[in-house]
Each structure stands twice: as structure tokens, then as C-alpha cells.
């Protein structure tokens, strides 16, 4: 059985699905179709679906009239109406998803650090960007954009201005990452990955043996030792070329890729 802390129990014996980093936008219709098929198919048989951020390539406010936003909202609302609990945790690309969109899509919003129970054991869910503490430039940008005053000022701007800002920010991010890869590939891999120290500190602070996150696009299951206590870090993959899904039931925990 899986339960969300302080929440009602789900249906026992069914699978819980966790995904992250879909980066859905109009420029990748094949992945949008893959997501739609996943929601209409496998997810309908699950007890719950957890989306750990970066569902969208960019989200500039709940008044965004994009077709991809409407498509996702309709698919997830139908899934929720079918009895599957759908949880959403903000990522670095869609931290402006608000209560209006959540209501339209049937989403239950999660905090930045969310403790749930999977197969009878507690697990900590995060998007994962806050674990990349070696990327000082990104962490400074993150602190700025999570400030409530910045958020209020940004959302007060016309939609066109917000969309232009998002496009400029994406281009700057791509250029920065490409420059880092060219200058020092090894350093790039280190800076853009979760810091081992941040992972250990987080697991120790929560006293939990399992951490699940996305963001880094490096799907894997990593053993972590916390003062002699055996823990693990499960990293979800992205959906740029395929769909990465973590399936958890009473018998197993499986990280796999959907056929594209």
C-alpha cells in the first residue's frame, strides 16, 4: 500500500508511477503524444501518478493559452476523474504552475520536499535542482526566481513579456551549458549533477532511506551510506527521446524507459 503522509490511503496492491522532466512543448509533438498515450494507458491502471517537476519546457503563468497546456490539463483531469490520484511537484521550468492550473488539471500540489509512503516505506520526493549546489550561478538564479516578490512582479507583466523572458532564459541556459561542455566536460558533469554532500545531508536531515528526484536527466539507482545506514537515491530520467518511469508496487521498484 502507498500513502501520502497525512493523506488517505490509496488502493492496496496497485502500482504507483513516478515521472519527471517531460519538458513538454509544441516543438516536440511526438513526446506529447507519448505522454498522452501513457496517461490514457498505463497510468489508468495505477493507484497514483507523481510528477516531480518540469512537466513543461516553460510555464509563465496559469493564464498561458497554449495548446500544450490545454492538452496536458485535459489528459490529467480525465485521469484524476477516473480515480487516479495525480500529484505535482514544481520543477525549475514550471515553478509558476499555480492553483488555477492545478484545479483544471486535477493536480494535488506537493511541497518542495514531500515525504510519502511507497510499498510500506517512507520516501522523500524532490525535483532535485536544489541538490546541485556546485552550480553557484544556477542556485543564485533559483533563489531570485523563488522570491515571492519576484514572482508577483513577474506575473504582473503582460503574457507576451513573460513568454519573451522565458524564451530568452532558455536560450541563455542552452548557451551556458554548451560553453561549459566545450570548456571542461568533466566539470560540466560534476556541476550539473546532484552534490553527494547535499544528498547525504538531505537524507540525514529527514532520516529516510530513499530519496527520489529528477532534474539531472541521469536515470539510475545509487546506493548511499549515511553513517553506516544503507540508503538509496533514485534518479528519474527525462522524456526528451523516451519516457522514463519509476514503477513501485509491493513486490518491486523498477526504473524503466517507455518504448518511443
Protein backbone atom coordinates (compact mmCIF):
# COMPACT_ATOMS: atom_id res chain seq x y z
CA UNK A 1 0.00 0.00 0.00
CA UNK A 2 1.19 3.53 -0.70
CA UNK A 3 0.03 6.59 1.18
CA UNK A 4 0.84 10.25 1.10
CA UNK A 5 1.78 11.49 4.55
CA UNK A 6 -1.31 12.87 6.30
CA UNK A 7 -3.35 11.72 3.28
CA UNK A 8 -5.87 8.98 2.74
CA UNK A 9 -4.60 5.55 1.68
CA UNK A 10 -4.54 4.54 -1.95
CA UNK A 11 -5.83 1.20 -3.23
CA UNK A 12 -3.68 -1.60 -1.91
CA UNK A 13 -1.77 -3.81 -4.29
CA UNK A 14 -1.65 -1.40 -7.23
CA UNK A 15 1.34 0.33 -8.81
CA UNK A 16 2.48 3.86 -8.06
CA UNK A 17 4.09 5.67 -11.02
CA UNK A 18 6.63 8.48 -10.78
CA UNK A 19 7.84 10.62 -13.70
CA UNK A 20 9.79 13.83 -14.15
CA UNK A 21 11.36 16.15 -16.72
CA UNK A 22 8.96 15.70 -19.60
CA UNK A 23 9.67 19.27 -20.83
CA UNK A 24 6.53 19.23 -22.93
CA UNK A 25 6.12 21.95 -25.55
CA UNK A 26 4.72 22.42 -29.02
CA UNK A 27 8.09 21.74 -30.67
CA UNK A 28 8.08 18.08 -29.55
CA UNK A 29 4.65 16.69 -30.54
CA UNK A 30 5.95 13.11 -30.52
CA UNK A 31 6.70 13.30 -26.80
CA UNK A 32 3.35 14.96 -26.13
CA UNK A 33 1.69 12.01 -27.88
CA UNK A 34 3.79 9.57 -25.85
CA UNK A 35 2.67 11.33 -22.67
CA UNK A 36 -0.97 11.22 -23.79
CA UNK A 37 -0.74 7.51 -24.54
CA UNK A 38 0.91 6.88 -21.17
CA UNK A 39 -1.81 8.78 -19.29
CA UNK A 40 -4.61 7.10 -21.23
CA UNK A 41 -3.00 3.67 -20.90
CA UNK A 42 -0.70 2.51 -18.12
CA UNK A 43 -1.48 5.38 -15.76
CA UNK A 44 -5.20 4.48 -15.76
CA UNK A 45 -4.29 1.22 -14.01
CA UNK A 46 -2.18 2.90 -11.30
CA UNK A 47 -3.16 3.95 -7.82
CA UNK A 48 -1.29 7.26 -8.16
CA UNK A 49 0.88 9.26 -10.52
CA UNK A 50 3.56 11.57 -9.14
CA UNK A 51 5.04 14.21 -11.46
CA UNK A 52 8.26 15.56 -9.95
CA UNK A 53 8.58 18.79 -11.89
CA UNK A 54 9.48 20.09 -15.34
CA UNK A 55 6.28 18.76 -16.81
CA UNK A 56 6.56 21.71 -19.22
CA UNK A 57 9.56 23.16 -21.02
CA UNK A 58 8.42 26.51 -19.67
CA UNK A 59 5.41 27.83 -17.75
CA UNK A 60 4.94 31.57 -17.38
CA UNK A 61 1.62 31.62 -15.54
CA UNK A 62 -1.75 29.90 -15.42
CA UNK A 63 -3.16 32.35 -17.99
CA UNK A 64 -0.96 30.82 -20.70
CA UNK A 65 -3.39 29.85 -23.50
CA UNK A 66 -1.02 27.38 -25.18
CA UNK A 67 -2.40 24.24 -26.80
CA UNK A 68 0.10 22.05 -24.94
CA UNK A 69 -1.13 23.41 -21.61
CA UNK A 70 -4.74 22.70 -22.53
CA UNK A 71 -3.82 19.22 -23.80
CA UNK A 72 -1.98 18.31 -20.59
CA UNK A 73 -4.73 19.71 -18.37
CA UNK A 74 -7.41 17.72 -20.21
CA UNK A 75 -5.42 14.47 -20.07
CA UNK A 76 -4.59 14.77 -16.37
CA UNK A 77 -8.10 15.88 -15.42
CA UNK A 78 -9.52 12.80 -17.14
CA UNK A 79 -7.02 10.64 -15.27
CA UNK A 80 -7.95 12.25 -11.96
CA UNK A 81 -11.65 11.91 -12.71
CA UNK A 82 -11.05 8.20 -13.38
CA UNK A 83 -9.93 7.82 -9.75
CA UNK A 84 -6.14 8.03 -10.07
CA UNK A 85 -4.56 10.50 -7.68
CA UNK A 86 -2.25 12.85 -9.56
CA UNK A 87 0.40 14.74 -7.61
CA UNK A 88 2.60 17.53 -8.93
CA UNK A 89 5.85 18.93 -7.57
CA UNK A 90 7.27 22.11 -9.08
CA UNK A 91 10.44 21.98 -11.16
CA UNK A 92 12.83 24.67 -12.27
CA UNK A 93 10.97 25.12 -15.57
CA UNK A 94 7.41 25.13 -14.22
CA UNK A 95 7.68 26.60 -10.71
CA UNK A 96 4.96 29.09 -11.71
CA UNK A 97 2.30 26.40 -12.09
CA UNK A 98 -0.40 27.68 -9.74
CA UNK A 99 -3.64 26.64 -8.15
CA UNK A 100 -5.74 27.62 -11.18
CA UNK A 101 -3.94 25.20 -13.48
CA UNK A 102 -3.81 22.57 -10.75
CA UNK A 103 -7.57 22.77 -10.38
CA UNK A 104 -8.13 22.50 -14.14
CA UNK A 105 -5.80 19.51 -14.38
CA UNK A 106 -6.95 17.74 -11.21
CA UNK A 107 -3.49 18.03 -9.63
CA UNK A 108 -2.64 17.84 -5.95
CA UNK A 109 0.29 20.20 -5.36
CA UNK A 110 3.21 18.93 -3.31
CA UNK A 111 5.77 20.97 -1.36
CA UNK A 112 9.41 21.17 -2.44
CA UNK A 113 10.25 18.29 -0.09
CA UNK A 114 7.46 15.73 0.12
CA UNK A 115 7.52 12.59 2.23
CA UNK A 116 5.23 9.79 1.05
CA UNK A 117 4.95 6.09 1.81
CA UNK A 118 5.78 3.67 -1.01
CA UNK A 119 5.35 -0.07 -0.50
CA UNK A 120 5.20 0.48 3.24
CA UNK A 121 8.40 2.56 3.48
CA UNK A 122 8.84 6.35 3.60
CA UNK A 123 10.41 8.06 0.61
CA UNK A 124 11.43 11.67 0.09
CA UNK A 125 10.42 13.26 -3.22
CA UNK A 126 12.18 16.30 -4.69
CA UNK A 127 12.55 17.82 -8.13
CA UNK A 128 16.30 17.77 -7.48
CA UNK A 129 17.59 21.15 -8.66
CA UNK A 130 18.31 22.30 -5.12
CA UNK A 131 20.71 19.35 -4.76
CA UNK A 132 23.00 20.74 -7.49
CA UNK A 133 24.79 23.01 -5.03
CA UNK A 134 28.04 23.18 -7.03
CA UNK A 135 26.25 25.17 -9.73
CA UNK A 136 26.52 28.50 -7.95
CA UNK A 137 25.21 30.59 -10.84
CA UNK A 138 22.06 28.48 -11.12
CA UNK A 139 21.48 28.47 -7.36
CA UNK A 140 21.64 32.29 -7.34
CA UNK A 141 19.10 32.43 -10.18
CA UNK A 142 16.92 29.91 -8.36
CA UNK A 143 16.93 31.96 -5.16
CA UNK A 144 15.95 35.07 -7.10
CA UNK A 145 13.07 33.48 -9.01
CA UNK A 146 11.62 31.71 -5.97
CA UNK A 147 11.34 35.01 -4.09
CA UNK A 148 7.61 35.83 -3.65
CA UNK A 149 8.25 39.48 -4.58
CA UNK A 150 9.95 38.45 -7.84
CA UNK A 151 7.13 36.03 -8.59
CA UNK A 152 4.44 38.68 -8.02
CA UNK A 153 6.29 41.24 -10.14
CA UNK A 154 6.83 38.74 -12.96
CA UNK A 155 3.23 37.54 -13.03
CA UNK A 156 2.02 41.16 -13.16
CA UNK A 157 3.66 41.60 -16.57
CA UNK A 158 1.75 41.05 -19.83
CA UNK A 159 1.76 37.49 -21.14
CA UNK A 160 3.85 38.44 -24.18
CA UNK A 161 6.59 39.87 -21.97
CA UNK A 162 6.66 36.76 -19.81
CA UNK A 163 6.87 34.48 -22.84
CA UNK A 164 9.75 36.56 -24.22
CA UNK A 165 11.58 36.33 -20.89
CA UNK A 166 11.14 32.54 -20.81
CA UNK A 167 12.45 32.16 -24.36
CA UNK A 168 15.47 34.32 -23.56
CA UNK A 169 16.17 32.38 -20.36
CA UNK A 170 16.01 29.04 -22.20
CA UNK A 171 18.41 30.26 -24.87
CA UNK A 172 20.83 31.62 -22.25
CA UNK A 173 20.71 28.28 -20.42
CA UNK A 174 21.46 26.34 -23.62
CA UNK A 175 24.37 28.63 -24.49
CA UNK A 176 25.80 28.39 -20.97
CA UNK A 177 25.60 24.61 -20.91
CA UNK A 178 27.17 24.31 -24.35
CA UNK A 179 30.03 26.59 -23.31
CA UNK A 180 30.58 24.56 -20.14
CA UNK A 181 30.66 21.30 -22.13
CA UNK A 182 33.19 22.77 -24.56
CA UNK A 183 35.46 24.23 -21.88
CA UNK A 184 35.53 21.30 -19.46
CA UNK A 185 33.17 18.36 -19.98
CA UNK A 186 34.13 16.70 -16.68
CA UNK A 187 33.47 19.87 -14.73
CA UNK A 188 30.13 20.28 -16.52
CA UNK A 189 29.07 16.77 -15.49
CA UNK A 190 30.02 17.49 -11.87
CA UNK A 191 28.42 20.92 -11.61
CA UNK A 192 25.12 19.90 -13.18
CA UNK A 193 24.74 16.74 -11.10
CA UNK A 194 23.46 16.42 -7.54
CA UNK A 195 26.17 17.11 -4.99
CA UNK A 196 26.99 13.99 -2.92
CA UNK A 197 27.24 16.20 0.17
CA UNK A 198 23.80 17.71 -0.47
CA UNK A 199 22.32 14.24 -0.99
CA UNK A 200 23.81 12.90 2.25
CA UNK A 201 22.76 15.99 4.22
CA UNK A 202 19.20 15.75 2.90
CA UNK A 203 18.83 12.05 3.67
CA UNK A 204 20.33 12.54 7.13
CA UNK A 205 18.07 15.50 7.87
CA UNK A 206 14.91 13.58 7.02
CA UNK A 207 16.08 10.26 8.44
CA UNK A 208 14.71 8.46 5.40
CA UNK A 209 16.41 5.69 3.42
CA UNK A 210 15.01 6.55 -0.05
CA UNK A 211 15.32 9.79 -2.00
CA UNK A 212 13.63 10.08 -5.40
CA UNK A 213 14.26 13.04 -7.69
CA UNK A 214 14.62 14.16 -11.28
CA UNK A 215 16.22 17.27 -12.84
CA UNK A 216 19.66 15.87 -13.71
CA UNK A 217 18.42 13.64 -16.57
CA UNK A 218 20.70 10.83 -15.36
CA UNK A 219 18.40 7.88 -14.59
CA UNK A 220 19.96 5.48 -12.10
CA UNK A 221 19.68 3.95 -8.65
CA UNK A 222 22.59 4.95 -6.40
CA UNK A 223 23.44 3.35 -3.04
CA UNK A 224 24.22 5.95 -0.37
CA UNK A 225 25.79 5.30 3.02
CA UNK A 226 24.63 7.58 5.83
CA UNK A 227 26.70 6.85 8.94
CA UNK A 228 26.54 3.12 8.27
CA UNK A 229 22.87 3.20 7.28
CA UNK A 230 22.15 1.83 3.81
CA UNK A 231 20.15 4.35 1.77
CA UNK A 232 19.45 4.87 -1.91
CA UNK A 233 18.94 7.72 -4.36
CA UNK A 234 16.67 7.02 -7.32
CA UNK A 235 17.05 9.46 -10.20
CA UNK A 236 14.27 9.67 -12.76
CA UNK A 237 15.17 10.18 -16.42
CA UNK A 238 13.88 12.80 -18.83
CA UNK A 239 11.43 12.49 -21.72
CA UNK A 240 13.45 14.12 -24.49
CA UNK A 241 13.70 10.96 -26.59
CA UNK A 242 11.77 8.43 -24.50
CA UNK A 243 9.65 8.22 -21.37
CA UNK A 244 11.36 7.42 -18.08
CA UNK A 245 9.06 5.87 -15.48
CA UNK A 246 9.58 4.56 -11.96
CA UNK A 247 7.12 1.81 -11.07
CA UNK A 248 6.66 0.89 -7.41
CA UNK A 249 4.45 -1.86 -6.01
CA UNK A 250 4.57 -4.20 -3.02
CA UNK A 251 6.98 -6.56 -4.79
CA UNK A 252 9.42 -4.34 -6.66
CA UNK A 253 10.77 -0.92 -7.62
CA UNK A 254 11.61 -0.65 -11.32
CA UNK A 255 13.11 2.27 -13.24
CA UNK A 256 12.49 1.80 -16.96
CA UNK A 257 12.02 3.60 -20.27
CA UNK A 258 8.83 3.54 -22.31
CA UNK A 259 9.18 2.48 -25.95
CA UNK A 260 9.17 5.61 -28.10
